Amino acid sequence: MRAAAEAFEHGERLLTEALTAHGAEPERAPALAALVVASVEGAVALCRAERSIQPLDQIAQQLEALIGETCRSPRQP
């Protein structure tokens, strides 16, 4: 279980860095990264249960819109 937790933490950290680099507020980026990971993982479970890719497509569309609204422009160093 620890390995899975570390993998999720690593993924969220990478997403947080990418979101911040693309304009997300540093205070908001970690929560948004966690939302992305949880949403995708949940969508995968739904896809398996429903034997359909539709849940993943729906989640991807919503996450794309949310991230697009959050990350307006790259942050300058």
PDB file of N, CA and C in Angstrom:
ATOM      1  N   MET A   1       0.810  -1.198   0.000  1.00  0.00           N
ATOM      2  CA  MET A   1       0.000   0.000   0.000  1.00  0.00           C
ATOM      3  C   MET A   1       0.857   1.267   0.000  1.00  0.00           C
ATOM      4  N   ARG A   2       1.984   1.197   0.677  1.00  0.00           N
ATOM      5  CA  ARG A   2       2.857   2.373   0.745  1.00  0.00           C
ATOM      6  C   ARG A   2       3.363   2.754  -0.638  1.00  0.00           C
ATOM      7  N   ALA A   3       3.661   1.738  -1.467  1.00  0.00           N
ATOM      8  CA  ALA A   3       4.150   2.023  -2.817  1.00  0.00           C
ATOM      9  C   ALA A   3       3.089   2.761  -3.628  1.00  0.00           C
ATOM     10  N   ALA A   4       1.832   2.364  -3.474  1.00  0.00           N
ATOM     11  CA  ALA A   4       0.748   3.040  -4.193  1.00  0.00           C
ATOM     12  C   ALA A   4       0.613   4.481  -3.705  1.00  0.00           C
ATOM     13  N   ALA A   5       0.695   4.670  -2.405  1.00  0.00           N
ATOM     14  CA  ALA A   5       0.597   6.025  -1.847  1.00  0.00           C
ATOM     15  C   ALA A   5       1.721   6.900  -2.377  1.00  0.00           C
ATOM     16  N   GLU A   6       2.921   6.354  -2.422  1.00  0.00           N
ATOM     17  CA  GLU A   6       4.065   7.111  -2.932  1.00  0.00           C
ATOM     18  C   GLU A   6       3.897   7.443  -4.408  1.00  0.00           C
ATOM     19  N   ALA A   7       3.330   6.520  -5.167  1.00  0.00           N
ATOM     20  CA  ALA A   7       3.102   6.772  -6.600  1.00  0.00           C
ATOM     21  C   ALA A   7       2.092   7.904  -6.784  1.00  0.00           C
ATOM     22  N   PHE A   8       1.009   7.877  -6.000  1.00  0.00           N
ATOM     23  CA  PHE A   8       0.015   8.950  -6.094  1.00  0.00           C
ATOM     24  C   PHE A   8       0.617  10.281  -5.656  1.00  0.00           C
ATOM     25  N   GLU A   9       1.373  10.281  -4.585  1.00  0.00           N
ATOM     26  CA  GLU A   9       2.011  11.511  -4.106  1.00  0.00           C
ATOM     27  C   GLU A   9       2.951  12.085  -5.160  1.00  0.00           C
ATOM     28  N   HIS A  10       3.724  11.195  -5.788  1.00  0.00           N
ATOM     29  CA  HIS A  10       4.664  11.641  -6.829  1.00  0.00           C
ATOM     30  C   HIS A  10       3.888  12.242  -8.010  1.00  0.00           C
ATOM     31  N   GLY A  11       2.837  11.579  -8.431  1.00  0.00           N
ATOM     32  CA  GLY A  11       2.022  12.082  -9.535  1.00  0.00           C
ATOM     33  C   GLY A  11       1.392  13.426  -9.219  1.00  0.00           C
ATOM     34  N   GLU A  12       0.875  13.545  -8.012  1.00  0.00           N
ATOM     35  CA  GLU A  12       0.263  14.817  -7.609  1.00  0.00           C
ATOM     36  C   GLU A  12       1.307  15.928  -7.553  1.00  0.00           C
ATOM     37  N   ARG A  13       2.496  15.601  -7.087  1.00  0.00           N
ATOM     38  CA  ARG A  13       3.573  16.600  -7.019  1.00  0.00           C
ATOM     39  C   ARG A  13       3.934  17.075  -8.423  1.00  0.00           C
ATOM     40  N   LEU A  14       4.057  16.147  -9.365  1.00  0.00           N
ATOM     41  CA  LEU A  14       4.376  16.521 -10.749  1.00  0.00           C
ATOM     42  C   LEU A  14       3.260  17.371 -11.358  1.00  0.00           C
ATOM     43  N   LEU A  15       2.023  16.979 -11.115  1.00  0.00           N
ATOM     44  CA  LEU A  15       0.891  17.766 -11.626  1.00  0.00           C
ATOM     45  C   LEU A  15       0.860  19.150 -11.000  1.00  0.00           C
ATOM     46  N   THR A  16       1.129  19.230  -9.712  1.00  0.00           N
ATOM     47  CA  THR A  16       1.165  20.529  -9.028  1.00  0.00           C
ATOM     48  C   THR A  16       2.201  21.440  -9.673  1.00  0.00           C
ATOM     49  N   GLU A  17       3.377  20.903  -9.918  1.00  0.00           N
ATOM     50  CA  GLU A  17       4.438  21.695 -10.553  1.00  0.00           C
ATOM     51  C   GLU A  17       4.027  22.138 -11.953  1.00  0.00           C
ATOM     52  N   ALA A  18       3.433  21.233 -12.721  1.00  0.00           N
ATOM     53  CA  ALA A  18       3.018  21.575 -14.084  1.00  0.00           C
ATOM     54  C   ALA A  18       1.909  22.619 -14.077  1.00  0.00           C
ATOM     55  N   LEU A  19       0.941  22.455 -13.194  1.00  0.00           N
ATOM     56  CA  LEU A  19      -0.151  23.424 -13.118  1.00  0.00           C
ATOM     57  C   LEU A  19       0.363  24.805 -12.729  1.00  0.00           C
ATOM     58  N   THR A  20       1.257  24.847 -11.765  1.00  0.00           N
ATOM     59  CA  THR A  20       1.834  26.124 -11.340  1.00  0.00           C
ATOM     60  C   THR A  20       2.631  26.759 -12.469  1.00  0.00           C
ATOM     61  N   ALA A  21       3.395  25.939 -13.173  1.00  0.00           N
ATOM     62  CA  ALA A  21       4.191  26.460 -14.291  1.00  0.00           C
ATOM     63  C   ALA A  21       3.314  27.015 -15.407  1.00  0.00           C
ATOM     64  N   HIS A  22       2.076  26.540 -15.480  1.00  0.00           N
ATOM     65  CA  HIS A  22       1.174  27.002 -16.526  1.00  0.00           C
ATOM     66  C   HIS A  22       0.136  28.003 -16.042  1.00  0.00           C
ATOM     67  N   GLY A  23       0.390  28.603 -14.882  1.00  0.00           N
ATOM     68  CA  GLY A  23      -0.435  29.727 -14.470  1.00  0.00           C
ATOM     69  C   GLY A  23      -1.382  29.497 -13.313  1.00  0.00           C
ATOM     70  N   ALA A  24      -1.472  28.281 -12.791  1.00  0.00           N
ATOM     71  CA  ALA A  24      -2.338  28.068 -11.634  1.00  0.00           C
ATOM     72  C   ALA A  24      -1.725  28.731 -10.405  1.00  0.00           C
ATOM     73  N   GLU A  25      -2.570  29.228  -9.528  1.00  0.00           N
ATOM     74  CA  GLU A  25      -2.086  29.832  -8.297  1.00  0.00           C
ATOM     75  C   GLU A  25      -1.425  28.749  -7.454  1.00  0.00           C
ATOM     76  N   PRO A  26      -0.235  29.014  -6.928  1.00  0.00           N
ATOM     77  CA  PRO A  26       0.479  28.004  -6.128  1.00  0.00           C
ATOM     78  C   PRO A  26      -0.337  27.460  -4.956  1.00  0.00           C
ATOM     79  N   GLU A  27      -1.215  28.269  -4.386  1.00  0.00           N
ATOM     80  CA  GLU A  27      -2.035  27.815  -3.261  1.00  0.00           C
ATOM     81  C   GLU A  27      -3.119  26.847  -3.715  1.00  0.00           C
ATOM     82  N   ARG A  28      -3.551  26.972  -4.948  1.00  0.00           N
ATOM     83  CA  ARG A  28      -4.654  26.166  -5.467  1.00  0.00           C
ATOM     84  C   ARG A  28      -4.171  24.911  -6.194  1.00  0.00           C
ATOM     85  N   ALA A  29      -2.974  24.938  -6.723  1.00  0.00           N
ATOM     86  CA  ALA A  29      -2.472  23.852  -7.568  1.00  0.00           C
ATOM     87  C   ALA A  29      -2.469  22.477  -6.896  1.00  0.00           C
ATOM     88  N   PRO A  30      -2.050  22.346  -5.633  1.00  0.00           N
ATOM     89  CA  PRO A  30      -2.059  21.004  -5.023  1.00  0.00           C
ATOM     90  C   PRO A  30      -3.456  20.374  -4.955  1.00  0.00           C
ATOM     91  N   ALA A  31      -4.451  21.167  -4.616  1.00  0.00           N
ATOM     92  CA  ALA A  31      -5.816  20.646  -4.545  1.00  0.00           C
ATOM     93  C   ALA A  31      -6.330  20.276  -5.935  1.00  0.00           C
ATOM     94  N   LEU A  32      -5.994  21.067  -6.918  1.00  0.00           N
ATOM     95  CA  LEU A  32      -6.403  20.771  -8.284  1.00  0.00           C
ATOM     96  C   LEU A  32      -5.719  19.493  -8.777  1.00  0.00           C
ATOM     97  N   ALA A  33      -4.458  19.326  -8.440  1.00  0.00           N
ATOM     98  CA  ALA A  33      -3.739  18.099  -8.811  1.00  0.00           C
ATOM     99  C   ALA A  33      -4.394  16.881  -8.174  1.00  0.00           C
ATOM    100  N   ALA A  34      -4.756  16.992  -6.902  1.00  0.00           N
ATOM    101  CA  ALA A  34      -5.426  15.881  -6.217  1.00  0.00           C
ATOM    102  C   ALA A  34      -6.776  15.582  -6.873  1.00  0.00           C
ATOM    103  N   LEU A  35      -7.486  16.624  -7.269  1.00  0.00           N
ATOM    104  CA  LEU A  35      -8.766  16.450  -7.943  1.00  0.00           C
ATOM    105  C   LEU A  35      -8.591  15.713  -9.268  1.00  0.00           C
ATOM    106  N   VAL A  36      -7.571  16.054 -10.018  1.00  0.00           N
ATOM    107  CA  VAL A  36      -7.305  15.396 -11.295  1.00  0.00           C
ATOM    108  C   VAL A  36      -7.035  13.912 -11.079  1.00  0.00           C
ATOM    109  N   VAL A  37      -6.145  13.610 -10.148  1.00  0.00           N
ATOM    110  CA  VAL A  37      -5.803  12.206  -9.891  1.00  0.00           C
ATOM    111  C   VAL A  37      -7.032  11.430  -9.435  1.00  0.00           C
ATOM    112  N   ALA A  38      -7.764  11.964  -8.479  1.00  0.00           N
ATOM    113  CA  ALA A  38      -8.949  11.272  -7.967  1.00  0.00           C
ATOM    114  C   ALA A  38     -10.013  11.107  -9.050  1.00  0.00           C
ATOM    115  N   SER A  39     -10.186  12.114  -9.871  1.00  0.00           N
ATOM    116  CA  SER A  39     -11.178  12.051 -10.947  1.00  0.00           C
ATOM    117  C   SER A  39     -10.832  10.984 -11.969  1.00  0.00           C
ATOM    118  N   VAL A  40      -9.586  10.938 -12.359  1.00  0.00           N
ATOM    119  CA  VAL A  40      -9.163   9.947 -13.357  1.00  0.00           C
ATOM    120  C   VAL A  40      -9.273   8.538 -12.777  1.00  0.00           C
ATOM    121  N   GLU A  41      -8.812   8.360 -11.539  1.00  0.00           N
ATOM    122  CA  GLU A  41      -8.910   7.044 -10.908  1.00  0.00           C
ATOM    123  C   GLU A  41     -10.372   6.610 -10.787  1.00  0.00           C
ATOM    124  N   GLY A  42     -11.233   7.512 -10.386  1.00  0.00           N
ATOM    125  CA  GLY A  42     -12.658   7.193 -10.300  1.00  0.00           C
ATOM    126  C   GLY A  42     -13.259   6.884 -11.657  1.00  0.00           C
ATOM    127  N   ALA A  43     -12.858   7.629 -12.664  1.00  0.00           N
ATOM    128  CA  ALA A  43     -13.367   7.390 -14.012  1.00  0.00           C
ATOM    129  C   ALA A  43     -12.941   6.014 -14.519  1.00  0.00           C
ATOM    130  N   VAL A  44     -11.718   5.623 -14.213  1.00  0.00           N
ATOM    131  CA  VAL A  44     -11.248   4.295 -14.623  1.00  0.00           C
ATOM    132  C   VAL A  44     -12.109   3.207 -13.971  1.00  0.00           C
ATOM    133  N   ALA A  45     -12.416   3.375 -12.690  1.00  0.00           N
ATOM    134  CA  ALA A  45     -13.273   2.403 -12.001  1.00  0.00           C
ATOM    135  C   ALA A  45     -14.655   2.340 -12.646  1.00  0.00           C
ATOM    136  N   LEU A  46     -15.209   3.496 -12.979  1.00  0.00           N
ATOM    137  CA  LEU A  46     -16.514   3.525 -13.644  1.00  0.00           C
ATOM    138  C   LEU A  46     -16.452   2.873 -15.016  1.00  0.00           C
ATOM    139  N   CYS A  47     -15.380   3.121 -15.742  1.00  0.00           N
ATOM    140  CA  CYS A  47     -15.219   2.509 -17.068  1.00  0.00           C
ATOM    141  C   CYS A  47     -15.230   0.989 -16.968  1.00  0.00           C
ATOM    142  N   ARG A  48     -14.525   0.474 -15.977  1.00  0.00           N
ATOM    143  CA  ARG A  48     -14.497  -0.981 -15.787  1.00  0.00           C
ATOM    144  C   ARG A  48     -15.876  -1.514 -15.422  1.00  0.00           C
ATOM    145  N   ALA A  49     -16.549  -0.831 -14.510  1.00  0.00           N
ATOM    146  CA  ALA A  49     -17.867  -1.284 -14.070  1.00  0.00           C
ATOM    147  C   ALA A  49     -18.892  -1.232 -15.202  1.00  0.00           C
ATOM    148  N   GLU A  50     -18.820  -0.186 -16.001  1.00  0.00           N
ATOM    149  CA  GLU A  50     -19.794   0.014 -17.080  1.00  0.00           C
ATOM    150  C   GLU A  50     -19.364  -0.612 -18.403  1.00  0.00           C
ATOM    151  N   ARG A  51     -18.106  -1.037 -18.441  1.00  0.00           N
ATOM    152  CA  ARG A  51     -17.538  -1.565 -19.693  1.00  0.00           C
ATOM    153  C   ARG A  51     -17.733  -0.563 -20.828  1.00  0.00           C
ATOM    154  N   SER A  52     -17.332   0.666 -20.505  1.00  0.00           N
ATOM    155  CA  SER A  52     -17.492   1.781 -21.443  1.00  0.00           C
ATOM    156  C   SER A  52     -16.398   2.794 -21.165  1.00  0.00           C
ATOM    157  N   ILE A  53     -15.975   3.489 -22.197  1.00  0.00           N
ATOM    158  CA  ILE A  53     -14.979   4.550 -22.062  1.00  0.00           C
ATOM    159  C   ILE A  53     -15.647   5.902 -21.789  1.00  0.00           C
ATOM    160  N   GLN A  54     -16.969   5.929 -21.843  1.00  0.00           N
ATOM    161  CA  GLN A  54     -17.698   7.184 -21.686  1.00  0.00           C
ATOM    162  C   GLN A  54     -17.376   7.931 -20.387  1.00  0.00           C
ATOM    163  N   PRO A  55     -17.304   7.272 -19.229  1.00  0.00           N
ATOM    164  CA  PRO A  55     -16.973   8.035 -18.012  1.00  0.00           C
ATOM    165  C   PRO A  55     -15.628   8.765 -18.112  1.00  0.00           C
ATOM    166  N   LEU A  56     -14.639   8.126 -18.694  1.00  0.00           N
ATOM    167  CA  LEU A  56     -13.333   8.766 -18.830  1.00  0.00           C
ATOM    168  C   LEU A  56     -13.408   9.947 -19.788  1.00  0.00           C
ATOM    169  N   ASP A  57     -14.151   9.791 -20.868  1.00  0.00           N
ATOM    170  CA  ASP A  57     -14.330  10.902 -21.812  1.00  0.00           C
ATOM    171  C   ASP A  57     -15.009  12.088 -21.134  1.00  0.00           C
ATOM    172  N   GLN A  58     -16.032  11.814 -20.322  1.00  0.00           N
ATOM    173  CA  GLN A  58     -16.748  12.890 -19.640  1.00  0.00           C
ATOM    174  C   GLN A  58     -15.842  13.608 -18.640  1.00  0.00           C
ATOM    175  N   ILE A  59     -15.103  12.842 -17.863  1.00  0.00           N
ATOM    176  CA  ILE A  59     -14.201  13.436 -16.878  1.00  0.00           C
ATOM    177  C   ILE A  59     -13.112  14.249 -17.572  1.00  0.00           C
ATOM    178  N   ALA A  60     -12.559  13.696 -18.642  1.00  0.00           N
ATOM    179  CA  ALA A  60     -11.499  14.397 -19.374  1.00  0.00           C
ATOM    180  C   ALA A  60     -12.006  15.744 -19.887  1.00  0.00           C
ATOM    181  N   GLN A  61     -13.211  15.758 -20.404  1.00  0.00           N
ATOM    182  CA  GLN A  61     -13.786  17.006 -20.927  1.00  0.00           C
ATOM    183  C   GLN A  61     -13.939  18.044 -19.816  1.00  0.00           C
ATOM    184  N   GLN A  62     -14.432  17.619 -18.667  1.00  0.00           N
ATOM    185  CA  GLN A  62     -14.634  18.549 -17.551  1.00  0.00           C
ATOM    186  C   GLN A  62     -13.308  19.024 -16.964  1.00  0.00           C
ATOM    187  N   LEU A  63     -12.346  18.113 -16.830  1.00  0.00           N
ATOM    188  CA  LEU A  63     -11.038  18.507 -16.305  1.00  0.00           C
ATOM    189  C   LEU A  63     -10.337  19.465 -17.261  1.00  0.00           C
ATOM    190  N   GLU A  64     -10.472  19.218 -18.545  1.00  0.00           N
ATOM    191  CA  GLU A  64      -9.859  20.116 -19.531  1.00  0.00           C
ATOM    192  C   GLU A  64     -10.416  21.534 -19.394  1.00  0.00           C
ATOM    193  N   ALA A  65     -11.721  21.634 -19.222  1.00  0.00           N
ATOM    194  CA  ALA A  65     -12.342  22.955 -19.061  1.00  0.00           C
ATOM    195  C   ALA A  65     -11.878  23.619 -17.767  1.00  0.00           C
ATOM    196  N   LEU A  66     -11.862  22.862 -16.674  1.00  0.00           N
ATOM    197  CA  LEU A  66     -11.453  23.411 -15.382  1.00  0.00           C
ATOM    198  C   LEU A  66      -9.999  23.869 -15.403  1.00  0.00           C
ATOM    199  N   ILE A  67      -9.136  23.036 -15.947  1.00  0.00           N
ATOM    200  CA  ILE A  67      -7.717  23.391 -16.014  1.00  0.00           C
ATOM    201  C   ILE A  67      -7.509  24.581 -16.942  1.00  0.00           C
ATOM    202  N   GLY A  68      -8.249  24.615 -18.041  1.00  0.00           N
ATOM    203  CA  GLY A  68      -8.151  25.747 -18.961  1.00  0.00           C
ATOM    204  C   GLY A  68      -8.530  27.062 -18.299  1.00  0.00           C
ATOM    205  N   GLU A  69      -9.527  27.021 -17.433  1.00  0.00           N
ATOM    206  CA  GLU A  69      -9.947  28.224 -16.709  1.00  0.00           C
ATOM    207  C   GLU A  69      -8.935  28.615 -15.636  1.00  0.00           C
ATOM    208  N   THR A  70      -8.290  27.616 -15.060  1.00  0.00           N
ATOM    209  CA  THR A  70      -7.357  27.847 -13.960  1.00  0.00           C
ATOM    210  C   THR A  70      -5.990  28.289 -14.441  1.00  0.00           C
ATOM    211  N   CYS A  71      -5.557  27.756 -15.554  1.00  0.00           N
ATOM    212  CA  CYS A  71      -4.206  28.010 -16.068  1.00  0.00           C
ATOM    213  C   CYS A  71      -4.311  28.907 -17.287  1.00  0.00           C
ATOM    214  N   ARG A  72      -4.436  30.164 -17.052  1.00  0.00           N
ATOM    215  CA  ARG A  72      -4.581  31.114 -18.146  1.00  0.00           C
ATOM    216  C   ARG A  72      -3.299  31.373 -18.912  1.00  0.00           C
ATOM    217  N   SER A  73      -2.194  31.492 -18.185  1.00  0.00           N
ATOM    218  CA  SER A  73      -0.933  31.800 -18.865  1.00  0.00           C
ATOM    219  C   SER A  73       0.239  31.294 -18.020  1.00  0.00           C
ATOM    220  N   PRO A  74       1.344  30.967 -18.682  1.00  0.00           N
ATOM    221  CA  PRO A  74       2.519  30.487 -17.919  1.00  0.00           C
ATOM    222  C   PRO A  74       3.019  31.555 -16.947  1.00  0.00           C
ATOM    223  N   ARG A  75       3.499  31.077 -15.803  1.00  0.00           N
ATOM    224  CA  ARG A  75       4.089  31.984 -14.813  1.00  0.00           C
ATOM    225  C   ARG A  75       5.511  32.329 -15.240  1.00  0.00           C
ATOM    226  N   GLN A  76       5.856  33.550 -15.027  1.00  0.00           N
ATOM    227  CA  GLN A  76       7.211  33.983 -15.347  1.00  0.00           C
ATOM    228  C   GLN A  76       8.116  33.730 -14.137  1.00  0.00           C
ATOM    229  N   PRO A  77       9.337  33.224 -14.370  1.00  0.00           N
ATOM    230  CA  PRO A  77      10.248  32.970 -13.245  1.00  0.00           C
ATOM    231  C   PRO A  77      10.676  34.241 -12.545  1.00  0.00           C
TER     232      PRO A  77
END
